[in-house]
Amino acid sequence: MNKTSIEWTDATWNPIRGCSRVSEGCRNCYAERVARRFGGKGQPYEGLVRINNSGERMPQWNGEVRLIEEHLLDPLKWKKSRRIFVNSMSDLFHENMPDEWIDRIFAVMALCPQHTFQVLTKRPERMLKYFYLSTDNREEAIGSQALDISAGKHSGILELPLPNVWPGVSVENQKTADERIPLLLQTPAAVWFISAEPLLEMIDIYQYLGGARNPIRGLNWVIVGGESGPKARPMHPDWVRSLRDQCQAAGVSFFFKQWGEWEPRLWMNQHGAPCLKISVPNQTHFKPRDKEIIFTCTDDSSINMVRVGKKAAGAMLDGREWREFPEVRA
């Protein structure tokens, strides 16, 4: 079992290695840093990252992806039920992933009904195309792979969507939310979720939420987190509160993962009221070595964000932790 410190899952499964950047949320990718650390000769990520010589020589994925055969069948060996994050070091729907590889991974998930598989992508257009626009019949292709993997013990017949596979999208701002969530909601699934990490601005997603108090079929789960790592950008507390309040209003499960490297310290507001419209430090003014950032608000108030490290910052929001999971209907 590949145990993990990621709070919203129990284990990671990485049958694919390699990726490439697609949006601003990828700027300080933790997986790139891990791949760089283990990218030397003979190591697992050899040849998958390159050094970007502009700026501060940050490692970047080079766009190559690899199927790791020796890890493809790992979940079949894990008998105890687990939530499993699929491809924490890649993207299952990367543009360089052949459909056949995706079929094989879905076949393994079909053969493991004891687990819940969390499939997070920044490429929902490819995910949607995989299910609806491919020339091959997806159910038949996945069933054939399942039959092959199980050495004929599986019937090879299955029905999509698989109830134990939860597709989700990463969003970091309003633009990515409005681009990715509608495509996610067109993808067949028992549960839909988003991970707003790193959260880089205030976003409104209420129209996409479907819960106990919202009659539409929409998102079942919202995960929120601040950025971690040496170049982490701060996250304003009101961005988190807004998503929490939207989820509560709709009756949708809300999970606050972490503040990241930065902790809110001091309100300076003569009226004692939070501010929603703020001026965010941009990349030009934000220096990774800064220890304190001030968010300036339109009502002459401000809030200090202090760099204390991920562990010290924790995940307390307004006096409590938020660790909600969606209820799965049988």
C-alpha atoms as a PDB file:
ATOM      1  CA  MET A   1       0.000   0.000   0.000  1.00  0.00           C
ATOM      2  CA  ASN A   2       1.422   3.390  -1.011  1.00  0.00           C
ATOM      3  CA  LYS A   3       0.502   5.342   2.099  1.00  0.00           C
ATOM      4  CA  THR A   4       0.308   9.104   1.778  1.00  0.00           C
ATOM      5  CA  SER A   5       0.145  12.256   3.864  1.00  0.00           C
ATOM      6  CA  ILE A   6      -2.545  13.725   1.585  1.00  0.00           C
ATOM      7  CA  GLU A   7      -5.400  14.293   4.002  1.00  0.00           C
ATOM      8  CA  TRP A   8      -8.361  13.543   1.722  1.00  0.00           C
ATOM      9  CA  THR A   9      -7.212  10.094   0.609  1.00  0.00           C
ATOM     10  CA  ASP A  10      -5.753   6.907   2.092  1.00  0.00           C
ATOM     11  CA  ALA A  11      -3.244   5.860  -0.560  1.00  0.00           C
ATOM     12  CA  THR A  12      -1.775   6.847  -3.903  1.00  0.00           C
ATOM     13  CA  TRP A  13      -1.474   4.702  -7.013  1.00  0.00           C
ATOM     14  CA  ASN A  14       0.877   5.819  -9.778  1.00  0.00           C
ATOM     15  CA  PRO A  15       0.719   3.514 -12.807  1.00  0.00           C
ATOM     16  CA  ILE A  16       1.691   6.556 -14.913  1.00  0.00           C
ATOM     17  CA  ARG A  17       4.696   8.868 -14.544  1.00  0.00           C
ATOM     18  CA  GLY A  18       5.232  12.180 -16.303  1.00  0.00           C
ATOM     19  CA  CYS A  19       3.155  15.253 -17.090  1.00  0.00           C
ATOM     20  CA  SER A  20       3.304  18.848 -18.393  1.00  0.00           C
ATOM     21  CA  ARG A  21       2.037  22.238 -17.244  1.00  0.00           C
ATOM     22  CA  VAL A  22      -1.351  23.554 -18.379  1.00  0.00           C
ATOM     23  CA  SER A  23      -2.244  26.547 -16.169  1.00  0.00           C
ATOM     24  CA  GLU A  24      -1.162  28.872 -13.375  1.00  0.00           C
ATOM     25  CA  GLY A  25      -1.912  26.259 -10.718  1.00  0.00           C
ATOM     26  CA  CYS A  26       0.992  24.211 -12.113  1.00  0.00           C
ATOM     27  CA  ARG A  27       3.571  26.964 -11.505  1.00  0.00           C
ATOM     28  CA  ASN A  28       4.931  25.460  -8.267  1.00  0.00           C
ATOM     29  CA  CYS A  29       3.988  21.816  -8.859  1.00  0.00           C
ATOM     30  CA  TYR A  30       5.028  19.571  -5.959  1.00  0.00           C
ATOM     31  CA  ALA A  31       5.206  16.550  -8.279  1.00  0.00           C
ATOM     32  CA  GLU A  32       7.832  18.276 -10.434  1.00  0.00           C
ATOM     33  CA  ARG A  33       9.978  18.801  -7.348  1.00  0.00           C
ATOM     34  CA  VAL A  34       9.642  15.125  -6.391  1.00  0.00           C
ATOM     35  CA  ALA A  35      10.440  14.046  -9.948  1.00  0.00           C
ATOM     36  CA  ARG A  36      13.512  16.273 -10.006  1.00  0.00           C
ATOM     37  CA  ARG A  37      14.734  14.719  -6.749  1.00  0.00           C
ATOM     38  CA  PHE A  38      14.342  11.213  -8.161  1.00  0.00           C
ATOM     39  CA  GLY A  39      15.250  12.016 -11.756  1.00  0.00           C
ATOM     40  CA  GLY A  40      18.898  10.961 -11.773  1.00  0.00           C
ATOM     41  CA  LYS A  41      20.364   8.130 -13.787  1.00  0.00           C
ATOM     42  CA  GLY A  42      18.650   4.860 -12.942  1.00  0.00           C
ATOM     43  CA  GLN A  43      16.000   6.555 -10.772  1.00  0.00           C
ATOM     44  CA  PRO A  44      12.214   6.342 -11.310  1.00  0.00           C
ATOM     45  CA  TYR A  45      11.791   9.737 -12.990  1.00  0.00           C
ATOM     46  CA  GLU A  46      14.897   9.713 -15.144  1.00  0.00           C
ATOM     47  CA  GLY A  47      14.292  11.603 -18.396  1.00  0.00           C
ATOM     48  CA  LEU A  48      10.876  13.007 -17.386  1.00  0.00           C
ATOM     49  CA  VAL A  49      11.906  16.478 -16.177  1.00  0.00           C
ATOM     50  CA  ARG A  50      14.072  19.206 -17.624  1.00  0.00           C
ATOM     51  CA  ILE A  51      15.640  22.266 -16.055  1.00  0.00           C
ATOM     52  CA  ASN A  52      14.132  25.574 -17.120  1.00  0.00           C
ATOM     53  CA  ASN A  53      17.161  27.839 -17.449  1.00  0.00           C
ATOM     54  CA  SER A  54      15.095  31.008 -17.436  1.00  0.00           C
ATOM     55  CA  GLY A  55      14.415  32.616 -14.085  1.00  0.00           C
ATOM     56  CA  GLU A  56      15.405  30.470 -11.143  1.00  0.00           C
ATOM     57  CA  ARG A  57      16.155  27.156 -12.881  1.00  0.00           C
ATOM     58  CA  MET A  58      12.992  25.376 -11.813  1.00  0.00           C
ATOM     59  CA  PRO A  59      12.501  21.749 -12.894  1.00  0.00           C
ATOM     60  CA  GLN A  60       9.630  21.173 -15.306  1.00  0.00           C
ATOM     61  CA  TRP A  61       7.938  18.129 -16.762  1.00  0.00           C
ATOM     62  CA  ASN A  62       8.970  17.594 -20.385  1.00  0.00           C
ATOM     63  CA  GLY A  63       5.610  16.174 -21.551  1.00  0.00           C
ATOM     64  CA  GLU A  64       6.679  12.525 -21.770  1.00  0.00           C
ATOM     65  CA  VAL A  65       4.442  10.004 -19.986  1.00  0.00           C
ATOM     66  CA  ARG A  66       5.177   6.358 -19.203  1.00  0.00           C
ATOM     67  CA  LEU A  67       3.026   3.412 -18.213  1.00  0.00           C
ATOM     68  CA  ILE A  68       4.664   1.647 -15.253  1.00  0.00           C
ATOM     69  CA  GLU A  69       3.718  -1.989 -15.788  1.00  0.00           C
ATOM     70  CA  GLU A  70       5.033  -3.177 -12.436  1.00  0.00           C
ATOM     71  CA  HIS A  71       2.574  -0.909 -10.612  1.00  0.00           C
ATOM     72  CA  LEU A  72      -0.455  -1.372 -12.861  1.00  0.00           C
ATOM     73  CA  LEU A  73      -1.955  -4.177 -10.771  1.00  0.00           C
ATOM     74  CA  ASP A  74      -1.086  -2.813  -7.318  1.00  0.00           C
ATOM     75  CA  PRO A  75      -4.708  -2.181  -6.173  1.00  0.00           C
ATOM     76  CA  LEU A  76      -5.564  -5.828  -6.820  1.00  0.00           C
ATOM     77  CA  LYS A  77      -3.157  -6.711  -4.011  1.00  0.00           C
ATOM     78  CA  TRP A  78      -4.782  -4.335  -1.516  1.00  0.00           C
ATOM     79  CA  LYS A  79      -7.698  -6.236  -0.001  1.00  0.00           C
ATOM     80  CA  LYS A  80      -8.763  -3.726   2.642  1.00  0.00           C
ATOM     81  CA  SER A  81     -11.074  -0.991   1.376  1.00  0.00           C
ATOM     82  CA  ARG A  82      -9.266   2.308   0.727  1.00  0.00           C
ATOM     83  CA  ARG A  83      -9.745   5.672  -0.930  1.00  0.00           C
ATOM     84  CA  ILE A  84      -7.039   5.751  -3.607  1.00  0.00           C
ATOM     85  CA  PHE A  85      -5.769   8.879  -5.364  1.00  0.00           C
ATOM     86  CA  VAL A  86      -4.976   7.832  -8.947  1.00  0.00           C
ATOM     87  CA  ASN A  87      -1.833   9.340 -10.499  1.00  0.00           C
ATOM     88  CA  SER A  88      -0.744  11.832  -7.867  1.00  0.00           C
ATOM     89  CA  MET A  89       2.429  12.204  -9.982  1.00  0.00           C
ATOM     90  CA  SER A  90       0.723  12.576 -13.357  1.00  0.00           C
ATOM     91  CA  ASP A  91      -2.647  13.116 -15.055  1.00  0.00           C
ATOM     92  CA  LEU A  92      -4.644  10.126 -16.246  1.00  0.00           C
ATOM     93  CA  PHE A  93      -6.029  12.171 -19.136  1.00  0.00           C
ATOM     94  CA  HIS A  94      -2.781  13.743 -20.302  1.00  0.00           C
ATOM     95  CA  GLU A  95      -2.834  14.387 -24.059  1.00  0.00           C
ATOM     96  CA  ASN A  96       0.051  11.936 -24.597  1.00  0.00           C
ATOM     97  CA  MET A  97      -1.761   9.049 -22.881  1.00  0.00           C
ATOM     98  CA  PRO A  98      -3.006   6.420 -25.367  1.00  0.00           C
ATOM     99  CA  ASP A  99      -6.622   5.356 -24.844  1.00  0.00           C
ATOM    100  CA  GLU A 100      -5.434   1.769 -24.385  1.00  0.00           C
ATOM    101  CA  TRP A 101      -3.429   2.730 -21.289  1.00  0.00           C
ATOM    102  CA  ILE A 102      -6.470   4.473 -19.817  1.00  0.00           C
ATOM    103  CA  ASP A 103      -8.582   1.386 -20.626  1.00  0.00           C
ATOM    104  CA  ARG A 104      -6.159  -0.807 -18.700  1.00  0.00           C
ATOM    105  CA  ILE A 105      -6.219   1.470 -15.660  1.00  0.00           C
ATOM    106  CA  PHE A 106     -10.031   1.580 -15.706  1.00  0.00           C
ATOM    107  CA  ALA A 107     -10.058  -2.208 -16.012  1.00  0.00           C
ATOM    108  CA  VAL A 108      -8.038  -2.503 -12.800  1.00  0.00           C
ATOM    109  CA  MET A 109     -10.451  -0.133 -11.060  1.00  0.00           C
ATOM    110  CA  ALA A 110     -13.384  -2.225 -12.316  1.00  0.00           C
ATOM    111  CA  LEU A 111     -11.761  -5.321 -10.795  1.00  0.00           C
ATOM    112  CA  CYS A 112     -11.394  -3.606  -7.385  1.00  0.00           C
ATOM    113  CA  PRO A 113     -14.908  -2.742  -6.168  1.00  0.00           C
ATOM    114  CA  GLN A 114     -13.617  -2.704  -2.579  1.00  0.00           C
ATOM    115  CA  HIS A 115     -11.750   0.564  -3.262  1.00  0.00           C
ATOM    116  CA  THR A 116     -12.829   4.088  -4.140  1.00  0.00           C
ATOM    117  CA  PHE A 117     -10.634   5.653  -6.826  1.00  0.00           C
ATOM    118  CA  GLN A 118     -10.256   9.451  -6.896  1.00  0.00           C
ATOM    119  CA  VAL A 119      -9.236  10.548 -10.405  1.00  0.00           C
ATOM    120  CA  LEU A 120      -8.173  14.193 -10.458  1.00  0.00           C
ATOM    121  CA  THR A 121      -7.392  15.912 -13.764  1.00  0.00           C
ATOM    122  CA  LYS A 122      -6.676  19.331 -15.233  1.00  0.00           C
ATOM    123  CA  ARG A 123      -7.747  18.011 -18.640  1.00  0.00           C
ATOM    124  CA  PRO A 124     -11.512  17.393 -18.469  1.00  0.00           C
ATOM    125  CA  GLU A 125     -11.861  17.927 -22.231  1.00  0.00           C
ATOM    126  CA  ARG A 126      -9.743  14.801 -22.814  1.00  0.00           C
ATOM    127  CA  MET A 127     -11.671  12.937 -20.117  1.00  0.00           C
ATOM    128  CA  LEU A 128     -14.985  13.778 -21.756  1.00  0.00           C
ATOM    129  CA  LYS A 129     -13.658  12.821 -25.186  1.00  0.00           C
ATOM    130  CA  TYR A 130     -12.415   9.513 -23.804  1.00  0.00           C
ATOM    131  CA  PHE A 131     -15.928   8.572 -22.700  1.00  0.00           C
ATOM    132  CA  TYR A 132     -17.991   9.987 -25.546  1.00  0.00           C
ATOM    133  CA  LEU A 133     -16.025  10.735 -28.693  1.00  0.00           C
ATOM    134  CA  SER A 134     -13.588   7.823 -29.045  1.00  0.00           C
ATOM    135  CA  THR A 135     -14.260   5.484 -31.939  1.00  0.00           C
ATOM    136  CA  ASP A 136     -14.055   2.374 -29.744  1.00  0.00           C
ATOM    137  CA  ASN A 137     -16.825   1.457 -27.361  1.00  0.00           C
ATOM    138  CA  ARG A 138     -15.454   2.280 -23.923  1.00  0.00           C
ATOM    139  CA  GLU A 139     -17.354  -0.353 -21.953  1.00  0.00           C
ATOM    140  CA  GLU A 140     -16.331  -3.059 -24.383  1.00  0.00           C
ATOM    141  CA  ALA A 141     -12.687  -1.937 -24.434  1.00  0.00           C
ATOM    142  CA  ILE A 142     -12.417  -1.744 -20.644  1.00  0.00           C
ATOM    143  CA  GLY A 143     -14.245  -5.045 -20.232  1.00  0.00           C
ATOM    144  CA  SER A 144     -11.841  -6.727 -22.633  1.00  0.00           C
ATOM    145  CA  GLN A 145      -8.861  -5.430 -20.665  1.00  0.00           C
ATOM    146  CA  ALA A 146     -10.444  -6.586 -17.400  1.00  0.00           C
ATOM    147  CA  LEU A 147     -10.946 -10.045 -18.859  1.00  0.00           C
ATOM    148  CA  ASP A 148      -7.305 -10.162 -19.935  1.00  0.00           C
ATOM    149  CA  ILE A 149      -5.965  -8.885 -16.590  1.00  0.00           C
ATOM    150  CA  SER A 150      -8.047 -11.370 -14.595  1.00  0.00           C
ATOM    151  CA  ALA A 151      -6.916 -14.270 -16.812  1.00  0.00           C
ATOM    152  CA  GLY A 152     -10.466 -14.975 -17.885  1.00  0.00           C
ATOM    153  CA  LYS A 153     -11.987 -14.918 -14.388  1.00  0.00           C
ATOM    154  CA  HIS A 154     -13.806 -11.636 -15.010  1.00  0.00           C
ATOM    155  CA  SER A 155     -16.849 -11.700 -17.260  1.00  0.00           C
ATOM    156  CA  GLY A 156     -15.531  -8.807 -19.305  1.00  0.00           C
ATOM    157  CA  ILE A 157     -18.923  -7.107 -18.985  1.00  0.00           C
ATOM    158  CA  LEU A 158     -19.233  -3.841 -17.110  1.00  0.00           C
ATOM    159  CA  GLU A 159     -21.341  -0.725 -17.117  1.00  0.00           C
ATOM    160  CA  LEU A 160     -20.107   2.837 -16.983  1.00  0.00           C
ATOM    161  CA  PRO A 161     -19.903   4.892 -14.884  1.00  0.00           C
ATOM    162  CA  LEU A 162     -18.062   2.695 -12.416  1.00  0.00           C
ATOM    163  CA  PRO A 163     -19.603   3.513  -9.000  1.00  0.00           C
ATOM    164  CA  ASN A 164     -16.215   3.309  -7.270  1.00  0.00           C
ATOM    165  CA  VAL A 165     -14.504   5.861  -9.559  1.00  0.00           C
ATOM    166  CA  TRP A 166     -14.861   9.528  -8.623  1.00  0.00           C
ATOM    167  CA  PRO A 167     -13.648  11.927 -11.335  1.00  0.00           C
ATOM    168  CA  GLY A 168     -12.621  15.429 -10.288  1.00  0.00           C
ATOM    169  CA  VAL A 169     -10.931  18.529 -11.651  1.00  0.00           C
ATOM    170  CA  SER A 170      -8.321  20.863 -10.212  1.00  0.00           C
ATOM    171  CA  VAL A 171      -9.251  24.551 -10.306  1.00  0.00           C
ATOM    172  CA  GLU A 172      -7.251  27.521  -9.041  1.00  0.00           C
ATOM    173  CA  ASN A 173      -9.244  30.567 -10.132  1.00  0.00           C
ATOM    174  CA  GLN A 174     -12.569  31.561 -11.685  1.00  0.00           C
ATOM    175  CA  LYS A 175     -11.315  30.987 -15.214  1.00  0.00           C
ATOM    176  CA  THR A 176     -10.300  27.375 -14.643  1.00  0.00           C
ATOM    177  CA  ALA A 177     -13.461  26.722 -12.615  1.00  0.00           C
ATOM    178  CA  ASP A 178     -15.707  27.952 -15.430  1.00  0.00           C
ATOM    179  CA  GLU A 179     -13.723  26.065 -18.061  1.00  0.00           C
ATOM    180  CA  ARG A 180     -13.284  22.731 -16.300  1.00  0.00           C
ATOM    181  CA  ILE A 181     -16.289  22.149 -14.053  1.00  0.00           C
ATOM    182  CA  PRO A 182     -18.949  22.136 -16.832  1.00  0.00           C
ATOM    183  CA  LEU A 183     -16.915  19.515 -18.710  1.00  0.00           C
ATOM    184  CA  LEU A 184     -16.575  17.440 -15.542  1.00  0.00           C
ATOM    185  CA  LEU A 185     -20.337  17.549 -15.005  1.00  0.00           C
ATOM    186  CA  GLN A 186     -20.881  16.112 -18.492  1.00  0.00           C
ATOM    187  CA  THR A 187     -18.690  13.114 -17.632  1.00  0.00           C
ATOM    188  CA  PRO A 188     -20.553  10.019 -16.366  1.00  0.00           C
ATOM    189  CA  ALA A 189     -19.888   9.529 -12.648  1.00  0.00           C
ATOM    190  CA  ALA A 190     -21.435   8.551  -9.340  1.00  0.00           C
ATOM    191  CA  VAL A 191     -19.567  11.355  -7.540  1.00  0.00           C
ATOM    192  CA  TRP A 192     -18.024  14.571  -8.924  1.00  0.00           C
ATOM    193  CA  PHE A 193     -15.512  16.639  -6.982  1.00  0.00           C
ATOM    194  CA  ILE A 194     -13.083  19.531  -7.339  1.00  0.00           C
ATOM    195  CA  SER A 195      -9.771  20.302  -5.707  1.00  0.00           C
ATOM    196  CA  ALA A 196      -9.277  24.059  -5.405  1.00  0.00           C
ATOM    197  CA  GLU A 197      -5.582  23.794  -4.609  1.00  0.00           C
ATOM    198  CA  PRO A 198      -3.657  25.969  -4.868  1.00  0.00           C
ATOM    199  CA  LEU A 199      -6.521  28.444  -4.484  1.00  0.00           C
ATOM    200  CA  LEU A 200      -5.274  31.699  -6.038  1.00  0.00           C
ATOM    201  CA  GLU A 201      -8.362  33.926  -5.951  1.00  0.00           C
ATOM    202  CA  MET A 202     -11.997  34.159  -4.886  1.00  0.00           C
ATOM    203  CA  ILE A 203     -14.174  31.838  -6.958  1.00  0.00           C
ATOM    204  CA  ASP A 204     -17.938  31.401  -7.249  1.00  0.00           C
ATOM    205  CA  ILE A 205     -19.040  27.826  -7.941  1.00  0.00           C
ATOM    206  CA  TYR A 206     -22.549  27.772  -6.463  1.00  0.00           C
ATOM    207  CA  GLN A 207     -24.149  27.198  -9.869  1.00  0.00           C
ATOM    208  CA  TYR A 208     -22.164  23.939 -10.126  1.00  0.00           C
ATOM    209  CA  LEU A 209     -23.009  22.542  -6.682  1.00  0.00           C
ATOM    210  CA  GLY A 210     -25.571  19.803  -6.236  1.00  0.00           C
ATOM    211  CA  GLY A 211     -26.478  18.917  -2.683  1.00  0.00           C
ATOM    212  CA  ALA A 212     -29.170  18.396  -0.092  1.00  0.00           C
ATOM    213  CA  ARG A 213     -30.320  22.022  -0.407  1.00  0.00           C
ATOM    214  CA  ASN A 214     -29.673  22.489  -4.120  1.00  0.00           C
ATOM    215  CA  PRO A 215     -31.967  20.564  -6.496  1.00  0.00           C
ATOM    216  CA  ILE A 216     -29.548  20.318  -9.440  1.00  0.00           C
ATOM    217  CA  ARG A 217     -27.223  17.369 -10.113  1.00  0.00           C
ATOM    218  CA  GLY A 218     -23.803  18.877  -9.545  1.00  0.00           C
ATOM    219  CA  LEU A 219     -20.597  18.697  -7.538  1.00  0.00           C
ATOM    220  CA  ASN A 220     -20.734  16.418  -4.506  1.00  0.00           C
ATOM    221  CA  TRP A 221     -17.463  17.414  -2.848  1.00  0.00           C
ATOM    222  CA  VAL A 222     -15.184  20.446  -2.672  1.00  0.00           C
ATOM    223  CA  ILE A 223     -11.576  20.256  -1.448  1.00  0.00           C
ATOM    224  CA  VAL A 224      -9.703  23.506  -0.764  1.00  0.00           C
ATOM    225  CA  GLY A 225      -6.044  24.089   0.028  1.00  0.00           C
ATOM    226  CA  GLY A 226      -3.304  26.691   0.044  1.00  0.00           C
ATOM    227  CA  GLU A 227      -0.017  26.237  -1.764  1.00  0.00           C
ATOM    228  CA  SER A 228       3.010  24.593  -0.139  1.00  0.00           C
ATOM    229  CA  GLY A 229       6.670  24.509  -1.064  1.00  0.00           C
ATOM    230  CA  PRO A 230       9.487  27.064  -1.238  1.00  0.00           C
ATOM    231  CA  LYS A 231       7.709  29.380  -3.720  1.00  0.00           C
ATOM    232  CA  ALA A 232       4.203  29.036  -2.274  1.00  0.00           C
ATOM    233  CA  ARG A 233       1.790  31.908  -2.772  1.00  0.00           C
ATOM    234  CA  PRO A 234      -0.459  33.021   0.128  1.00  0.00           C
ATOM    235  CA  MET A 235      -4.213  32.382   0.194  1.00  0.00           C
ATOM    236  CA  HIS A 236      -6.679  34.915   1.602  1.00  0.00           C
ATOM    237  CA  PRO A 237      -8.966  33.486   4.338  1.00  0.00           C
ATOM    238  CA  ASP A 238     -12.083  34.949   2.706  1.00  0.00           C
ATOM    239  CA  TRP A 239     -11.468  32.853  -0.414  1.00  0.00           C
ATOM    240  CA  VAL A 240     -11.725  29.740   1.756  1.00  0.00           C
ATOM    241  CA  ARG A 241     -14.716  31.027   3.737  1.00  0.00           C
ATOM    242  CA  SER A 242     -16.584  31.834   0.552  1.00  0.00           C
ATOM    243  CA  LEU A 243     -16.255  28.263  -0.760  1.00  0.00           C
ATOM    244  CA  ARG A 244     -17.181  26.830   2.635  1.00  0.00           C
ATOM    245  CA  ASP A 245     -20.290  29.024   2.784  1.00  0.00           C
ATOM    246  CA  GLN A 246     -21.306  28.116  -0.767  1.00  0.00           C
ATOM    247  CA  CYS A 247     -21.004  24.425   0.104  1.00  0.00           C
ATOM    248  CA  GLN A 248     -22.999  24.820   3.303  1.00  0.00           C
ATOM    249  CA  ALA A 249     -25.732  26.712   1.468  1.00  0.00           C
ATOM    250  CA  ALA A 250     -26.011  23.905  -1.092  1.00  0.00           C
ATOM    251  CA  GLY A 251     -25.548  21.016   1.348  1.00  0.00           C
ATOM    252  CA  VAL A 252     -22.293  19.839  -0.270  1.00  0.00           C
ATOM    253  CA  SER A 253     -19.376  18.256   1.595  1.00  0.00           C
ATOM    254  CA  PHE A 254     -16.466  20.655   2.206  1.00  0.00           C
ATOM    255  CA  PHE A 255     -12.889  19.610   2.986  1.00  0.00           C
ATOM    256  CA  PHE A 256     -10.282  22.191   3.984  1.00  0.00           C
ATOM    257  CA  LYS A 257      -6.940  20.523   3.442  1.00  0.00           C
ATOM    258  CA  GLN A 258      -4.421  23.151   4.552  1.00  0.00           C
ATOM    259  CA  TRP A 259      -3.390  26.804   4.695  1.00  0.00           C
ATOM    260  CA  GLY A 260      -0.113  25.880   3.053  1.00  0.00           C
ATOM    261  CA  GLU A 261       3.034  27.808   3.936  1.00  0.00           C
ATOM    262  CA  TRP A 262       1.146  30.948   4.989  1.00  0.00           C
ATOM    263  CA  GLU A 263      -0.970  31.604   8.072  1.00  0.00           C
ATOM    264  CA  PRO A 264      -3.384  34.534   8.600  1.00  0.00           C
ATOM    265  CA  ARG A 265      -2.236  36.588  11.579  1.00  0.00           C
ATOM    266  CA  LEU A 266      -3.758  40.023  12.032  1.00  0.00           C
ATOM    267  CA  TRP A 267      -6.775  41.885  10.778  1.00  0.00           C
ATOM    268  CA  MET A 268      -6.349  45.638  10.500  1.00  0.00           C
ATOM    269  CA  ASN A 269      -9.904  46.807   9.928  1.00  0.00           C
ATOM    270  CA  GLN A 270     -11.371  49.703  11.855  1.00  0.00           C
ATOM    271  CA  HIS A 271     -14.882  48.353  11.258  1.00  0.00           C
ATOM    272  CA  GLY A 272     -14.077  44.794  12.269  1.00  0.00           C
ATOM    273  CA  ALA A 273     -15.558  43.423   9.043  1.00  0.00           C
ATOM    274  CA  PRO A 274     -13.927  41.045   6.536  1.00  0.00           C
ATOM    275  CA  CYS A 275     -13.283  42.286   3.021  1.00  0.00           C
ATOM    276  CA  LEU A 276     -14.064  40.371  -0.155  1.00  0.00           C
ATOM    277  CA  LYS A 277     -12.520  42.566  -2.848  1.00  0.00           C
ATOM    278  CA  ILE A 278      -8.774  42.609  -2.421  1.00  0.00           C
ATOM    279  CA  SER A 279      -5.623  43.515  -4.237  1.00  0.00           C
ATOM    280  CA  VAL A 280      -3.521  40.368  -4.562  1.00  0.00           C
ATOM    281  CA  PRO A 281       0.292  40.509  -4.609  1.00  0.00           C
ATOM    282  CA  ASN A 282       1.216  39.456  -8.144  1.00  0.00           C
ATOM    283  CA  GLN A 283       4.243  37.531  -9.297  1.00  0.00           C
ATOM    284  CA  THR A 284       6.146  40.753  -9.949  1.00  0.00           C
ATOM    285  CA  HIS A 285       5.872  41.940  -6.373  1.00  0.00           C
ATOM    286  CA  PHE A 286       5.729  38.607  -4.594  1.00  0.00           C
ATOM    287  CA  LYS A 287       9.150  37.395  -3.532  1.00  0.00           C
ATOM    288  CA  PRO A 288       9.485  33.749  -2.502  1.00  0.00           C
ATOM    289  CA  ARG A 289      11.731  34.697   0.416  1.00  0.00           C
ATOM    290  CA  ASP A 290       9.213  37.144   1.863  1.00  0.00           C
ATOM    291  CA  LYS A 291       8.111  36.275   5.389  1.00  0.00           C
ATOM    292  CA  GLU A 292       5.002  38.461   5.421  1.00  0.00           C
ATOM    293  CA  ILE A 293       2.485  39.511   2.785  1.00  0.00           C
ATOM    294  CA  ILE A 294      -0.244  42.117   3.260  1.00  0.00           C
ATOM    295  CA  PHE A 295      -3.510  41.770   1.366  1.00  0.00           C
ATOM    296  CA  THR A 296      -4.975  45.237   0.826  1.00  0.00           C
ATOM    297  CA  CYS A 297      -8.767  45.564   0.699  1.00  0.00           C
ATOM    298  CA  THR A 298     -11.070  48.117  -0.865  1.00  0.00           C
ATOM    299  CA  ASP A 299     -12.445  49.295   2.504  1.00  0.00           C
ATOM    300  CA  ASP A 300      -9.054  50.468   3.838  1.00  0.00           C
ATOM    301  CA  SER A 301      -8.506  47.248   5.736  1.00  0.00           C
ATOM    302  CA  SER A 302      -5.829  44.616   5.324  1.00  0.00           C
ATOM    303  CA  ILE A 303      -4.762  41.216   6.566  1.00  0.00           C
ATOM    304  CA  ASN A 304      -1.265  39.933   7.210  1.00  0.00           C
ATOM    305  CA  MET A 305      -0.247  36.503   5.936  1.00  0.00           C
ATOM    306  CA  VAL A 306       2.862  35.203   7.674  1.00  0.00           C
ATOM    307  CA  ARG A 307       5.072  32.387   6.365  1.00  0.00           C
ATOM    308  CA  VAL A 308       5.258  29.792   9.136  1.00  0.00           C
ATOM    309  CA  GLY A 309       5.467  26.526   7.165  1.00  0.00           C
ATOM    310  CA  LYS A 310       2.803  23.996   6.235  1.00  0.00           C
ATOM    311  CA  LYS A 311       2.830  22.048   9.495  1.00  0.00           C
ATOM    312  CA  ALA A 312       2.613  25.108  11.731  1.00  0.00           C
ATOM    313  CA  ALA A 313      -0.095  26.746   9.612  1.00  0.00           C
ATOM    314  CA  GLY A 314      -2.324  23.684   9.899  1.00  0.00           C
ATOM    315  CA  ALA A 315      -5.929  23.604   8.675  1.00  0.00           C
ATOM    316  CA  MET A 316      -8.031  25.419  11.268  1.00  0.00           C
ATOM    317  CA  LEU A 317     -10.710  27.686   9.794  1.00  0.00           C
ATOM    318  CA  ASP A 318     -12.746  29.836  12.156  1.00  0.00           C
ATOM    319  CA  GLY A 319     -11.981  27.652  15.150  1.00  0.00           C
ATOM    320  CA  ARG A 320     -12.400  24.179  13.659  1.00  0.00           C
ATOM    321  CA  GLU A 321     -11.175  21.775  11.026  1.00  0.00           C
ATOM    322  CA  TRP A 322     -13.405  20.929   8.066  1.00  0.00           C
ATOM    323  CA  ARG A 323     -12.982  17.283   7.041  1.00  0.00           C
ATOM    324  CA  GLU A 324     -16.233  16.343   5.284  1.00  0.00           C
ATOM    325  CA  PHE A 325     -16.580  13.497   2.776  1.00  0.00           C
ATOM    326  CA  PRO A 326     -19.479  12.958   0.367  1.00  0.00           C
ATOM    327  CA  GLU A 327     -22.158  10.442   1.172  1.00  0.00           C
ATOM    328  CA  VAL A 328     -22.278   7.734  -1.459  1.00  0.00           C
ATOM    329  CA  ARG A 329     -25.714   6.421  -2.284  1.00  0.00           C
ATOM    330  CA  ALA A 330     -25.913   2.651  -2.691  1.00  0.00           C
END
